[in-house]
Amino acid sequence: MNKLLACSFVLVVASGCFDGKDSAGPGDQDPTPSMSESMTQSGSDSRPDEVLLEAIPLDLILNNCTGWYAVRSYVGSTGPGARPEGWEAAPVTDILSGNSIEAYSCARLSLGRFERGPIHVMFETHSNADFPPACVAELPANTSPSVLVNLWVDDSEIGAFMQETYGLPIQVGSFEEAQTDAEVGTLHTWTWAVEGGEDSTITIPDDEQPVNQGDHVRRLFWQRESAVLQLEVDLDDLGPNVPPVGFGMFQPPMVMASDTAGIFADTVGWFPQREAAGTFAFYNDMRCEEPA
């Protein structure tokens, strides 16, 4: 994945394509209970335990994807974005923090009983946080921690399941893709919005000379009620050797819509090949000291 972004998942190797977003894989016939359903069935009222977690899918896989990233750096802790309760802003020793977008257009998403595609998935994250020591303990090489602010999908059923089961900050939107020839390479333009919202858009130059981005892992955190959850994503990307500058306009609920009136002109990268595999982890506290 690109070398500039800040922020893991257990690797799962899989591949395959599906005819439509509303198509169901064989596993759709054997429903996986959501977190709230599991708690109701077991009589538990708030926290996951080992029995409940056994019923919850922990592996998320994205296969046969294209996509892009965009990143904007900020001095110290000046960047936008909420943090889990009790987490401080980036320490003064951090010269820079960053806001990032990782976008995927995939032939396949696999999560428990769900096998869907084509599908769009987009992560909005930032590194403006003083991560609790236990959350970043034994951080593998080439791993960057980040706070997950929004996770966009264009499948409402997947979005509802993710939000209810993992407490993910889901935005369900619609996505459009276009491309035009440039003097050198291609310009890729994506447009997206929540229902009833204004369009966000970004254009990414592609010199069509991709290189392997090397191993990179992102460890993402977000808050659900009085605890944090983690998604550790292993990224496998073919992308730009020298990241170019892209441009766009972000509208709410995009986090960077609150900065520079939503105007974006900063580092981007186009990926003609993207793969991602990750694993969810649950905690019983806000500082990753009590694994569920």
Foldseek 3Di string as FASTA:
>chain_A
DAPPDFFAADDDDDDDFDDAQPDFDPLLVPDQDALVVLCVVVVHDDDDDPVSVVSFWFKKKFFFKWWKKFKDKDAQLPAFDDDPPPWAFGDNVDRIKMKMKTKIQGRWIDGRRGTGDRKIKMWIWIDGTDAFCLLCPPPDPQGGETETHEIEIQRVVVQVRCCRRVVHRYAHKDKDWDWDDDPAAIKIKMWMDGVPWDIKMKIAGANPPWDWNDWHKGWYWDDDDFAIKIKIKIKTFTKDPDFDWMWIFDDPPRRCCVPPVRTGTGTMMITSGIIMMITMWTAPHHRNPGTD
